[in-house]
């Protein structure tokens, strides 16, 4: 589905983050991008989202070069990105309203109105129906993140990009949303890419884990996690062993 083809990237006047970097993601896979702050993992996610562009090389999704944000991408940010003056329901409908203006391809206004999808099933699925008329300031962090997920999934994406989505949440809420994300990924056959600096979260969410250490990144370091979707994996010795291995790998590639 995704081909990152020999890309290079640096911010203006900044040191290179990626140089001739190649990476491939197949449809329906669940990936975690793991690394310390400042290593370039969020930059890579924004390149995949079409919000940044390589200075060299190209990124292809389904065989088409990415030259702008792609309508079938779903992007969920750490700060949720909710409108504070809009209710939960109105925030969940936001993407549909934008699509109605720009059209399904994100470029051309539709010649005729696009039928609006009812967000109620997603609000119910994500446990938000009872607070649908509440404002973001009146609900919990977990509920705000669920609202952001509803707003994204109602657009029927095939690629879900998540940037540190649960880092500000308490442990029980974070664990519940991690489990929910995996359920939705399987139900919707989503290709999932989650950026995190948390080793335990990477081990839960990524069947494959891309490790980023100290830049410049020239070749991917990939850790396989074949047991990730197993029942009670979080409590298993396999999970704890993988977390220990990831710490060692991160220290090695970070030069510490």
Protein backbone atom coordinates (compact mmCIF):
# COMPACT_ATOMS: atom_id res chain seq x y z
CA UNK A 1 0.00 0.00 0.00
CA UNK A 2 2.75 2.46 1.00
CA UNK A 3 6.15 2.77 -0.62
CA UNK A 4 8.58 5.27 0.85
CA UNK A 5 11.03 5.32 -2.03
CA UNK A 6 14.57 6.61 -1.34
CA UNK A 7 13.38 9.78 0.38
CA UNK A 8 15.52 12.48 1.91
CA UNK A 9 14.19 15.22 4.15
CA UNK A 10 15.38 18.08 6.29
CA UNK A 11 13.69 21.19 7.60
CA UNK A 12 14.99 24.54 6.28
CA UNK A 13 18.43 25.21 7.76
CA UNK A 14 18.18 21.96 9.68
CA UNK A 15 20.24 18.80 9.71
CA UNK A 16 19.01 15.89 7.54
CA UNK A 17 16.55 13.53 9.19
CA UNK A 18 16.22 11.02 6.34
CA UNK A 19 18.65 10.26 3.51
CA UNK A 20 17.79 7.78 0.73
CA UNK A 21 15.39 6.09 3.17
CA UNK A 22 13.17 3.30 1.82
CA UNK A 23 10.33 1.57 3.69
CA UNK A 24 7.29 -0.46 2.65
CA UNK A 25 3.93 -1.03 4.34
CA UNK A 26 1.42 -3.59 3.08
CA UNK A 27 -2.34 -3.05 3.18
CA UNK A 28 -3.98 -3.97 6.48
CA UNK A 29 -0.77 -4.05 8.49
CA UNK A 30 -0.44 -2.55 11.97
CA UNK A 31 2.80 -0.62 12.52
CA UNK A 32 4.25 1.33 15.40
CA UNK A 33 7.01 3.89 14.83
CA UNK A 34 9.07 3.98 18.01
CA UNK A 35 11.86 6.35 18.98
CA UNK A 36 12.92 9.13 21.33
CA UNK A 37 11.82 12.75 21.05
CA UNK A 38 13.38 14.59 18.11
CA UNK A 39 14.26 11.48 16.10
CA UNK A 40 11.91 12.30 13.21
CA UNK A 41 9.06 9.88 13.83
CA UNK A 42 6.32 12.56 13.71
CA UNK A 43 7.99 14.05 10.63
CA UNK A 44 7.72 10.67 8.91
CA UNK A 45 4.03 10.49 9.81
CA UNK A 46 3.41 13.97 8.38
CA UNK A 47 5.21 12.94 5.20
CA UNK A 48 2.82 9.99 4.93
CA UNK A 49 -0.11 12.33 5.56
CA UNK A 50 0.93 14.66 2.73
CA UNK A 51 1.49 17.57 5.09
CA UNK A 52 5.23 17.57 4.38
CA UNK A 53 7.05 16.46 1.25
CA UNK A 54 10.46 14.83 0.68
CA UNK A 55 13.30 16.98 -0.62
CA UNK A 56 14.31 13.93 -2.66
CA UNK A 57 12.60 10.67 -3.58
CA UNK A 58 8.86 10.03 -3.40
CA UNK A 59 6.10 8.43 -1.36
CA UNK A 60 3.51 6.30 -3.15
CA UNK A 61 0.21 5.08 -1.73
CA UNK A 62 -1.63 2.48 -3.79
CA UNK A 63 0.76 3.21 -6.66
CA UNK A 64 0.08 6.95 -6.78
CA UNK A 65 2.67 9.51 -5.76
CA UNK A 66 1.62 11.55 -2.76
CA UNK A 67 1.54 15.23 -3.77
CA UNK A 68 -1.10 16.53 -1.34
CA UNK A 69 -3.15 15.27 1.62
CA UNK A 70 -5.00 12.15 0.55
CA UNK A 71 -8.77 11.97 1.24
CA UNK A 72 -8.59 8.30 2.25
CA UNK A 73 -6.02 9.04 4.95
CA UNK A 74 -7.21 9.46 8.53
CA UNK A 75 -4.97 11.49 10.85
CA UNK A 76 -5.43 11.63 14.63
CA UNK A 77 -3.22 13.99 16.62
CA UNK A 78 -2.10 14.04 20.23
CA UNK A 79 -4.12 17.17 21.07
CA UNK A 80 -7.30 15.72 19.48
CA UNK A 81 -7.86 18.76 17.19
CA UNK A 82 -11.43 19.33 18.36
CA UNK A 83 -13.27 22.63 17.92
CA UNK A 84 -13.96 23.92 21.46
CA UNK A 85 -17.16 25.72 20.41
CA UNK A 86 -18.65 22.60 18.78
CA UNK A 87 -20.40 19.69 20.48
CA UNK A 88 -19.20 16.11 20.32
CA UNK A 89 -21.67 15.41 17.52
CA UNK A 90 -20.68 18.53 15.59
CA UNK A 91 -16.99 17.66 15.92
CA UNK A 92 -17.68 14.14 14.68
CA UNK A 93 -19.49 15.62 11.66
CA UNK A 94 -16.71 18.09 10.82
CA UNK A 95 -14.91 15.93 8.26
CA UNK A 96 -18.19 15.18 6.49
CA UNK A 97 -18.94 18.89 6.22
CA UNK A 98 -15.50 19.58 4.77
CA UNK A 99 -15.89 16.71 2.32
CA UNK A 100 -19.24 18.12 1.27
CA UNK A 101 -17.50 21.39 0.38
CA UNK A 102 -14.37 20.05 -1.31
CA UNK A 103 -15.77 16.84 -2.74
CA UNK A 104 -14.66 13.23 -2.23
CA UNK A 105 -11.29 13.80 -3.94
CA UNK A 106 -10.46 16.77 -1.70
CA UNK A 107 -9.98 19.08 -4.68
CA UNK A 108 -13.14 19.63 -6.67
CA UNK A 109 -16.39 20.92 -5.24
CA UNK A 110 -19.11 18.36 -5.94
CA UNK A 111 -21.57 19.19 -8.71
CA UNK A 112 -24.36 17.84 -6.57
CA UNK A 113 -24.71 17.44 -2.84
CA UNK A 114 -23.02 14.43 -1.26
CA UNK A 115 -25.34 12.38 0.97
CA UNK A 116 -24.39 13.02 4.56
CA UNK A 117 -23.52 9.99 6.66
CA UNK A 118 -25.24 9.77 10.01
CA UNK A 119 -22.54 9.84 12.71
CA UNK A 120 -24.89 8.34 15.32
CA UNK A 121 -23.72 4.72 14.79
CA UNK A 122 -20.12 5.75 15.40
CA UNK A 123 -21.06 7.78 18.48
CA UNK A 124 -22.85 4.73 19.82
CA UNK A 125 -19.99 2.36 18.90
CA UNK A 126 -17.49 4.57 20.71
CA UNK A 127 -19.64 5.18 23.79
CA UNK A 128 -20.29 8.85 23.01
CA UNK A 129 -24.03 8.94 22.32
CA UNK A 130 -24.97 10.06 25.83
CA UNK A 131 -22.59 13.03 25.66
CA UNK A 132 -23.23 13.92 21.99
CA UNK A 133 -24.46 17.41 22.94
CA UNK A 134 -21.57 18.15 25.32
CA UNK A 135 -18.59 20.39 24.53
CA UNK A 136 -14.95 19.25 24.62
CA UNK A 137 -14.23 21.23 27.79
CA UNK A 138 -16.94 19.27 29.62
CA UNK A 139 -15.75 15.75 28.81
CA UNK A 140 -12.74 13.64 29.75
CA UNK A 141 -9.53 13.25 27.77
CA UNK A 142 -10.50 9.73 26.78
CA UNK A 143 -13.87 10.95 25.51
CA UNK A 144 -12.19 13.71 23.53
CA UNK A 145 -9.91 11.16 21.90
CA UNK A 146 -12.89 8.93 21.11
CA UNK A 147 -14.55 11.93 19.46
CA UNK A 148 -11.47 12.44 17.30
CA UNK A 149 -11.56 8.76 16.35
CA UNK A 150 -15.26 9.00 15.45
CA UNK A 151 -14.64 12.08 13.29
CA UNK A 152 -11.94 10.16 11.41
CA UNK A 153 -13.62 6.78 10.97
CA UNK A 154 -16.93 8.22 9.74
CA UNK A 155 -15.00 9.20 6.59
CA UNK A 156 -14.21 5.52 5.91
CA UNK A 157 -10.40 5.84 5.63
CA UNK A 158 -8.19 2.96 4.54
CA UNK A 159 -5.06 4.34 6.25
CA UNK A 160 -5.11 5.52 9.87
CA UNK A 161 -2.17 7.63 11.03
CA UNK A 162 -1.92 8.38 14.77
CA UNK A 163 0.63 10.72 16.38
CA UNK A 164 1.21 9.99 20.09
CA UNK A 165 -2.57 9.57 20.42
CA UNK A 166 -2.76 8.39 24.03
CA UNK A 167 0.30 9.92 25.69
CA UNK A 168 -1.63 12.43 27.83
CA UNK A 169 -4.15 9.90 29.18
CA UNK A 170 -4.09 7.96 32.43
CA UNK A 171 -3.02 4.33 32.27
CA UNK A 172 -6.47 2.62 32.39
CA UNK A 173 -7.92 4.99 29.77
CA UNK A 174 -4.85 4.58 27.58
CA UNK A 175 -5.05 0.78 27.76
CA UNK A 176 -8.75 0.81 26.90
CA UNK A 177 -8.20 3.02 23.86
CA UNK A 178 -5.28 0.90 22.70
CA UNK A 179 -7.57 -2.15 22.77
CA UNK A 180 -10.31 -0.20 20.98
CA UNK A 181 -7.88 0.89 18.27
CA UNK A 182 -6.88 -2.70 17.59
CA UNK A 183 -10.53 -3.79 17.45
CA UNK A 184 -11.35 -1.04 14.96
CA UNK A 185 -8.26 -1.76 12.88
CA UNK A 186 -9.34 -5.36 12.47
CA UNK A 187 -13.04 -4.57 11.93
CA UNK A 188 -12.39 -1.91 9.28
CA UNK A 189 -9.34 -3.63 7.72
CA UNK A 190 -7.36 -0.44 8.30
CA UNK A 191 -3.69 0.02 7.65
CA UNK A 192 -2.54 1.45 10.99
CA UNK A 193 0.61 3.48 11.68
CA UNK A 194 1.05 4.81 15.22
CA UNK A 195 3.87 7.07 16.34
CA UNK A 196 4.90 6.62 19.96
CA UNK A 197 7.86 7.06 22.27
CA UNK A 198 6.41 4.46 24.65
CA UNK A 199 7.95 1.01 24.32
CA UNK A 200 5.00 -0.79 25.91
CA UNK A 201 2.54 0.95 23.58
CA UNK A 202 4.59 0.05 20.51
CA UNK A 203 4.60 -3.60 21.60
CA UNK A 204 0.80 -3.58 21.93
CA UNK A 205 -0.16 -1.67 18.78
CA UNK A 206 2.46 -2.71 16.24
CA UNK A 207 2.62 -6.13 14.63
CA UNK A 208 5.68 -4.59 13.02
CA UNK A 209 7.73 -1.91 14.76
CA UNK A 210 9.91 0.62 12.95
CA UNK A 211 12.70 1.82 15.23
CA UNK A 212 14.14 5.30 14.73
CA UNK A 213 17.21 6.27 16.69
CA UNK A 214 19.49 9.22 16.17
CA UNK A 215 19.24 10.82 12.68
CA UNK A 216 20.29 10.54 9.89
CA UNK A 217 18.00 7.59 9.02
CA UNK A 218 19.27 5.72 5.98
CA UNK A 219 17.71 2.25 6.35
CA UNK A 220 14.77 0.99 8.41
CA UNK A 221 15.28 -1.07 11.54
CA UNK A 222 12.21 -3.32 11.79
CA UNK A 223 11.22 -5.57 14.67
CA UNK A 224 8.63 -8.27 14.04
CA UNK A 225 5.89 -8.75 16.65
CA UNK A 226 3.85 -11.73 15.36
CA UNK A 227 2.03 -12.41 18.63
CA UNK A 228 0.73 -8.84 19.03
CA UNK A 229 -2.93 -9.65 18.38
CA UNK A 230 -3.05 -12.69 20.64
CA UNK A 231 -5.43 -12.95 23.56
CA UNK A 232 -3.97 -11.71 26.86
CA UNK A 233 -0.78 -10.75 25.02
CA UNK A 234 -0.29 -7.80 27.38
CA UNK A 235 0.13 -10.24 30.27
CA UNK A 236 2.35 -12.72 28.47
CA UNK A 237 6.06 -13.36 28.84
CA UNK A 238 6.40 -12.79 25.07
CA UNK A 239 5.22 -9.21 25.52
CA UNK A 240 7.61 -8.47 28.38
CA UNK A 241 10.51 -10.07 26.52
CA UNK A 242 9.80 -7.94 23.45
CA UNK A 243 9.72 -4.77 25.57
CA UNK A 244 13.14 -5.66 26.98
CA UNK A 245 14.47 -6.35 23.48
CA UNK A 246 13.11 -3.04 22.18
CA UNK A 247 14.96 -1.15 24.93
CA UNK A 248 18.21 -2.83 23.92
CA UNK A 249 17.63 -2.12 20.21
CA UNK A 250 16.81 1.54 20.90
CA UNK A 251 19.98 1.97 22.93
CA UNK A 252 22.03 0.37 20.13
CA UNK A 253 20.64 2.48 17.28
CA UNK A 254 20.65 5.67 19.37
CA UNK A 255 24.35 5.31 20.11
CA UNK A 256 23.91 5.38 23.86
